[in-house]
PDB file of N, CA and C in Angstrom:
ATOM      1  N   UNK A   1     112.037  30.563  88.716  1.00  0.00           N
ATOM      2  CA  UNK A   1     112.753  29.435  89.280  1.00  0.00           C
ATOM      3  C   UNK A   1     114.226  29.803  89.430  1.00  0.00           C
ATOM      4  N   UNK A   2     114.771  29.560  90.599  1.00  0.00           N
ATOM      5  CA  UNK A   2     116.183  29.834  90.832  1.00  0.00           C
ATOM      6  C   UNK A   2     116.938  28.524  90.997  1.00  0.00           C
ATOM      7  N   UNK A   3     118.175  28.549  90.661  1.00  0.00           N
ATOM      8  CA  UNK A   3     119.037  27.372  90.823  1.00  0.00           C
ATOM      9  C   UNK A   3     119.899  27.550  92.065  1.00  0.00           C
ATOM     10  N   UNK A   4     119.274  27.649  93.191  1.00  0.00           N
ATOM     11  CA  UNK A   4     119.992  27.846  94.444  1.00  0.00           C
ATOM     12  C   UNK A   4     120.557  26.515  94.928  1.00  0.00           C
ATOM     13  N   UNK A   5     121.817  26.529  95.260  1.00  0.00           N
ATOM     14  CA  UNK A   5     122.465  25.327  95.784  1.00  0.00           C
ATOM     15  C   UNK A   5     122.147  25.214  97.270  1.00  0.00           C
ATOM     16  N   UNK A   6     121.598  24.084  97.658  1.00  0.00           N
ATOM     17  CA  UNK A   6     121.292  23.854  99.066  1.00  0.00           C
ATOM     18  C   UNK A   6     122.545  23.372  99.789  1.00  0.00           C
ATOM     19  N   UNK A   7     122.804  23.969 100.934  1.00  0.00           N
ATOM     20  CA  UNK A   7     123.956  23.578 101.734  1.00  0.00           C
ATOM     21  C   UNK A   7     123.484  22.691 102.880  1.00  0.00           C
ATOM     22  N   UNK A   8     124.394  21.877 103.406  1.00  0.00           N
ATOM     23  CA  UNK A   8     124.020  21.055 104.564  1.00  0.00           C
ATOM     24  C   UNK A   8     123.797  21.932 105.793  1.00  0.00           C
ATOM     25  N   UNK A   9     123.142  21.369 106.789  1.00  0.00           N
ATOM     26  CA  UNK A   9     122.941  22.083 108.047  1.00  0.00           C
ATOM     27  C   UNK A   9     124.293  22.312 108.699  1.00  0.00           C
ATOM     28  N   UNK A  10     124.508  23.527 109.192  1.00  0.00           N
ATOM     29  CA  UNK A  10     125.771  23.857 109.840  1.00  0.00           C
ATOM     30  C   UNK A  10     125.726  23.423 111.299  1.00  0.00           C
ATOM     31  N   UNK A  11     126.733  22.687 111.724  1.00  0.00           N
ATOM     32  CA  UNK A  11     126.868  22.265 113.119  1.00  0.00           C
ATOM     33  C   UNK A  11     128.225  22.765 113.602  1.00  0.00           C
ATOM     34  N   UNK A  12     128.227  23.497 114.717  1.00  0.00           N
ATOM     35  CA  UNK A  12     129.448  24.124 115.206  1.00  0.00           C
ATOM     36  C   UNK A  12     129.982  23.387 116.430  1.00  0.00           C
ATOM     37  N   UNK A  13     131.286  23.090 116.456  1.00  0.00           N
ATOM     38  CA  UNK A  13     131.874  22.293 117.537  1.00  0.00           C
ATOM     39  C   UNK A  13     132.403  23.124 118.706  1.00  0.00           C
ATOM     40  N   UNK A  14     131.708  24.199 119.096  1.00  0.00           N
ATOM     41  CA  UNK A  14     132.244  25.121 120.101  1.00  0.00           C
ATOM     42  C   UNK A  14     132.621  24.439 121.417  1.00  0.00           C
ATOM     43  N   UNK A  15     131.767  23.548 121.908  1.00  0.00           N
ATOM     44  CA  UNK A  15     132.005  22.940 123.219  1.00  0.00           C
ATOM     45  C   UNK A  15     133.249  22.057 123.243  1.00  0.00           C
ATOM     46  N   UNK A  16     133.607  21.469 122.106  1.00  0.00           N
ATOM     47  CA  UNK A  16     134.776  20.583 122.079  1.00  0.00           C
ATOM     48  C   UNK A  16     136.055  21.309 121.690  1.00  0.00           C
ATOM     49  N   UNK A  17     135.970  22.606 121.452  1.00  0.00           N
ATOM     50  CA  UNK A  17     137.136  23.386 121.030  1.00  0.00           C
ATOM     51  C   UNK A  17     137.846  23.993 122.230  1.00  0.00           C
ATOM     52  N   UNK A  18     139.178  24.038 122.144  1.00  0.00           N
ATOM     53  CA  UNK A  18     139.965  24.784 123.115  1.00  0.00           C
ATOM     54  C   UNK A  18     140.211  26.187 122.586  1.00  0.00           C
ATOM     55  N   UNK A  19     140.602  27.084 123.471  1.00  0.00           N
ATOM     56  CA  UNK A  19     140.934  28.441 123.048  1.00  0.00           C
ATOM     57  C   UNK A  19     142.083  28.359 122.042  1.00  0.00           C
ATOM     58  N   UNK A  20     141.931  29.033 120.918  1.00  0.00           N
ATOM     59  CA  UNK A  20     142.933  29.016 119.856  1.00  0.00           C
ATOM     60  C   UNK A  20     142.641  28.021 118.753  1.00  0.00           C
ATOM     61  N   UNK A  21     141.724  27.080 118.986  1.00  0.00           N
ATOM     62  CA  UNK A  21     141.341  26.121 117.942  1.00  0.00           C
ATOM     63  C   UNK A  21     140.489  26.836 116.894  1.00  0.00           C
ATOM     64  N   UNK A  22     140.529  26.313 115.657  1.00  0.00           N
ATOM     65  CA  UNK A  22     139.727  26.912 114.597  1.00  0.00           C
ATOM     66  C   UNK A  22     139.142  25.827 113.709  1.00  0.00           C
ATOM     67  N   UNK A  23     138.149  26.223 112.913  1.00  0.00           N
ATOM     68  CA  UNK A  23     137.590  25.343 111.895  1.00  0.00           C
ATOM     69  C   UNK A  23     137.200  26.191 110.692  1.00  0.00           C
ATOM     70  N   UNK A  24     137.115  25.539 109.531  1.00  0.00           N
ATOM     71  CA  UNK A  24     136.779  26.199 108.273  1.00  0.00           C
ATOM     72  C   UNK A  24     135.536  25.556 107.696  1.00  0.00           C
ATOM     73  N   UNK A  25     134.584  26.387 107.257  1.00  0.00           N
ATOM     74  CA  UNK A  25     133.392  25.897 106.585  1.00  0.00           C
ATOM     75  C   UNK A  25     133.334  26.539 105.203  1.00  0.00           C
ATOM     76  N   UNK A  26     133.438  25.740 104.139  1.00  0.00           N
ATOM     77  CA  UNK A  26     133.320  26.310 102.795  1.00  0.00           C
ATOM     78  C   UNK A  26     131.863  26.666 102.501  1.00  0.00           C
ATOM     79  N   UNK A  27     131.642  27.871 101.969  1.00  0.00           N
ATOM     80  CA  UNK A  27     130.286  28.320 101.648  1.00  0.00           C
ATOM     81  C   UNK A  27     130.351  29.564 100.784  1.00  0.00           C
ATOM     82  N   UNK A  28     129.329  29.760  99.982  1.00  0.00           N
ATOM     83  CA  UNK A  28     129.166  31.014  99.264  1.00  0.00           C
ATOM     84  C   UNK A  28     128.244  31.957 100.042  1.00  0.00           C
ATOM     85  N   UNK A  29     127.582  31.430 101.055  1.00  0.00           N
ATOM     86  CA  UNK A  29     126.658  32.216 101.885  1.00  0.00           C
ATOM     87  C   UNK A  29     127.365  32.672 103.162  1.00  0.00           C
ATOM     88  N   UNK A  30     128.432  33.447 102.995  1.00  0.00           N
ATOM     89  CA  UNK A  30     129.287  33.818 104.120  1.00  0.00           C
ATOM     90  C   UNK A  30     128.573  34.693 105.145  1.00  0.00           C
ATOM     91  N   UNK A  31     127.755  35.629 104.689  1.00  0.00           N
ATOM     92  CA  UNK A  31     127.056  36.518 105.622  1.00  0.00           C
ATOM     93  C   UNK A  31     126.098  35.734 106.500  1.00  0.00           C
ATOM     94  N   UNK A  32     125.342  34.834 105.899  1.00  0.00           N
ATOM     95  CA  UNK A  32     124.404  34.003 106.662  1.00  0.00           C
ATOM     96  C   UNK A  32     125.148  33.100 107.645  1.00  0.00           C
ATOM     97  N   UNK A  33     126.264  32.530 107.202  1.00  0.00           N
ATOM     98  CA  UNK A  33     127.049  31.667 108.086  1.00  0.00           C
ATOM     99  C   UNK A  33     127.616  32.449 109.263  1.00  0.00           C
ATOM    100  N   UNK A  34     128.149  33.641 109.008  1.00  0.00           N
ATOM    101  CA  UNK A  34     128.729  34.430 110.105  1.00  0.00           C
ATOM    102  C   UNK A  34     127.666  34.814 111.132  1.00  0.00           C
ATOM    103  N   UNK A  35     126.451  35.116 110.685  1.00  0.00           N
ATOM    104  CA  UNK A  35     125.355  35.400 111.609  1.00  0.00           C
ATOM    105  C   UNK A  35     125.043  34.152 112.447  1.00  0.00           C
ATOM    106  N   UNK A  36     124.990  32.988 111.807  1.00  0.00           N
ATOM    107  CA  UNK A  36     124.721  31.734 112.528  1.00  0.00           C
ATOM    108  C   UNK A  36     125.831  31.422 113.523  1.00  0.00           C
ATOM    109  N   UNK A  37     127.069  31.668 113.135  1.00  0.00           N
ATOM    110  CA  UNK A  37     128.199  31.447 114.042  1.00  0.00           C
ATOM    111  C   UNK A  37     128.084  32.331 115.281  1.00  0.00           C
ATOM    112  N   UNK A  38     127.802  33.617 115.081  1.00  0.00           N
ATOM    113  CA  UNK A  38     127.658  34.529 116.216  1.00  0.00           C
ATOM    114  C   UNK A  38     126.529  34.104 117.139  1.00  0.00           C
ATOM    115  N   UNK A  39     125.397  33.710 116.560  1.00  0.00           N
ATOM    116  CA  UNK A  39     124.251  33.264 117.366  1.00  0.00           C
ATOM    117  C   UNK A  39     124.584  31.992 118.138  1.00  0.00           C
ATOM    118  N   UNK A  40     125.241  31.041 117.467  1.00  0.00           N
ATOM    119  CA  UNK A  40     125.622  29.790 118.125  1.00  0.00           C
ATOM    120  C   UNK A  40     126.633  29.996 119.233  1.00  0.00           C
ATOM    121  N   UNK A  41     127.571  30.900 119.022  1.00  0.00           N
ATOM    122  CA  UNK A  41     128.579  31.182 120.054  1.00  0.00           C
ATOM    123  C   UNK A  41     127.929  31.795 121.287  1.00  0.00           C
ATOM    124  N   UNK A  42     126.967  32.670 121.087  1.00  0.00           N
ATOM    125  CA  UNK A  42     126.261  33.265 122.224  1.00  0.00           C
ATOM    126  C   UNK A  42     125.520  32.192 123.015  1.00  0.00           C
ATOM    127  N   UNK A  43     124.857  31.282 122.307  1.00  0.00           N
ATOM    128  CA  UNK A  43     124.142  30.194 123.001  1.00  0.00           C
ATOM    129  C   UNK A  43     125.106  29.294 123.764  1.00  0.00           C
ATOM    130  N   UNK A  44     126.296  29.052 123.184  1.00  0.00           N
ATOM    131  CA  UNK A  44     127.299  28.185 123.823  1.00  0.00           C
ATOM    132  C   UNK A  44     128.129  28.937 124.857  1.00  0.00           C
ATOM    133  N   UNK A  45     127.932  30.259 124.954  1.00  0.00           N
ATOM    134  CA  UNK A  45     128.656  31.109 125.900  1.00  0.00           C
ATOM    135  C   UNK A  45     130.162  31.059 125.676  1.00  0.00           C
ATOM    136  N   UNK A  46     130.559  31.156 124.405  1.00  0.00           N
ATOM    137  CA  UNK A  46     131.980  31.242 124.046  1.00  0.00           C
ATOM    138  C   UNK A  46     132.163  32.471 123.164  1.00  0.00           C
ATOM    139  N   UNK A  47     133.404  32.944 123.092  1.00  0.00           N
ATOM    140  CA  UNK A  47     133.728  34.064 122.215  1.00  0.00           C
ATOM    141  C   UNK A  47     134.506  33.533 121.023  1.00  0.00           C
ATOM    142  N   UNK A  48     134.148  34.050 119.845  1.00  0.00           N
ATOM    143  CA  UNK A  48     134.784  33.609 118.612  1.00  0.00           C
ATOM    144  C   UNK A  48     135.192  34.813 117.784  1.00  0.00           C
ATOM    145  N   UNK A  49     136.047  34.564 116.816  1.00  0.00           N
ATOM    146  CA  UNK A  49     136.410  35.548 115.797  1.00  0.00           C
ATOM    147  C   UNK A  49     136.337  34.828 114.468  1.00  0.00           C
ATOM    148  N   UNK A  50     135.605  35.395 113.502  1.00  0.00           N
ATOM    149  CA  UNK A  50     135.411  34.747 112.206  1.00  0.00           C
ATOM    150  C   UNK A  50     135.806  35.683 111.076  1.00  0.00           C
ATOM    151  N   UNK A  51     136.382  35.089 110.026  1.00  0.00           N
ATOM    152  CA  UNK A  51     136.786  35.843 108.849  1.00  0.00           C
ATOM    153  C   UNK A  51     136.421  35.074 107.593  1.00  0.00           C
ATOM    154  N   UNK A  52     136.047  35.794 106.544  1.00  0.00           N
ATOM    155  CA  UNK A  52     135.853  35.184 105.230  1.00  0.00           C
ATOM    156  C   UNK A  52     137.246  35.001 104.632  1.00  0.00           C
ATOM    157  N   UNK A  53     137.555  33.758 104.226  1.00  0.00           N
ATOM    158  CA  UNK A  53     138.883  33.430 103.705  1.00  0.00           C
ATOM    159  C   UNK A  53     138.747  32.469 102.521  1.00  0.00           C
ATOM    160  N   UNK A  54     139.855  32.291 101.827  1.00  0.00           N
ATOM    161  CA  UNK A  54     139.960  31.260 100.804  1.00  0.00           C
ATOM    162  C   UNK A  54     140.931  30.209 101.320  1.00  0.00           C
ATOM    163  N   UNK A  55     140.511  28.945 101.290  1.00  0.00           N
ATOM    164  CA  UNK A  55     141.333  27.836 101.779  1.00  0.00           C
ATOM    165  C   UNK A  55     141.288  26.726 100.736  1.00  0.00           C
ATOM    166  N   UNK A  56     142.443  26.330 100.208  1.00  0.00           N
ATOM    167  CA  UNK A  56     142.509  25.300  99.165  1.00  0.00           C
ATOM    168  C   UNK A  56     141.560  25.602  98.007  1.00  0.00           C
ATOM    169  N   UNK A  57     141.541  26.853  97.586  1.00  0.00           N
ATOM    170  CA  UNK A  57     140.713  27.332  96.471  1.00  0.00           C
ATOM    171  C   UNK A  57     139.211  27.330  96.754  1.00  0.00           C
ATOM    172  N   UNK A  58     138.800  27.224  98.009  1.00  0.00           N
ATOM    173  CA  UNK A  58     137.390  27.311  98.387  1.00  0.00           C
ATOM    174  C   UNK A  58     137.186  28.558  99.232  1.00  0.00           C
ATOM    175  N   UNK A  59     136.148  29.342  98.911  1.00  0.00           N
ATOM    176  CA  UNK A  59     135.793  30.480  99.751  1.00  0.00           C
ATOM    177  C   UNK A  59     134.932  29.962 100.894  1.00  0.00           C
ATOM    178  N   UNK A  60     135.103  30.562 102.059  1.00  0.00           N
ATOM    179  CA  UNK A  60     134.320  30.138 103.219  1.00  0.00           C
ATOM    180  C   UNK A  60     134.656  30.989 104.416  1.00  0.00           C
ATOM    181  N   UNK A  61     134.360  30.469 105.590  1.00  0.00           N
ATOM    182  CA  UNK A  61     134.563  31.195 106.841  1.00  0.00           C
ATOM    183  C   UNK A  61     135.441  30.355 107.761  1.00  0.00           C
ATOM    184  N   UNK A  62     136.515  30.972 108.270  1.00  0.00           N
ATOM    185  CA  UNK A  62     137.356  30.348 109.299  1.00  0.00           C
ATOM    186  C   UNK A  62     137.005  31.008 110.612  1.00  0.00           C
ATOM    187  N   UNK A  63     136.782  30.191 111.636  1.00  0.00           N
ATOM    188  CA  UNK A  63     136.373  30.665 112.948  1.00  0.00           C
ATOM    189  C   UNK A  63     137.313  30.149 114.019  1.00  0.00           C
ATOM    190  N   UNK A  64     137.787  31.054 114.885  1.00  0.00           N
ATOM    191  CA  UNK A  64     138.647  30.705 116.007  1.00  0.00           C
ATOM    192  C   UNK A  64     137.863  30.899 117.304  1.00  0.00           C
ATOM    193  N   UNK A  65     138.082  30.006 118.242  1.00  0.00           N
ATOM    194  CA  UNK A  65     137.555  30.228 119.599  1.00  0.00           C
ATOM    195  C   UNK A  65     138.584  31.065 120.328  1.00  0.00           C
ATOM    196  N   UNK A  66     138.161  32.216 120.876  1.00  0.00           N
ATOM    197  CA  UNK A  66     139.099  33.106 121.544  1.00  0.00           C
ATOM    198  C   UNK A  66     138.895  33.142 123.059  1.00  0.00           C
ATOM    199  N   UNK A  67     137.805  32.570 123.564  1.00  0.00           N
ATOM    200  CA  UNK A  67     137.644  32.403 125.014  1.00  0.00           C
ATOM    201  C   UNK A  67     136.518  31.445 125.311  1.00  0.00           C
TER     202      UNK A  67
END
């Protein structure tokens, strides 16, 4: 039995973002989130750049729309 913390479903606001806008998602599952972000950006036909960062003492992923 593992004590895995379940996270909410990730929803990405790509269509409502302008170039240069960003958002932060706190998570310990950064690799899985970055894969989901890349897949979602391809479906939305936008280009993004994502980095694992710490924001207000929370680890997570910050993503910018770059085109």
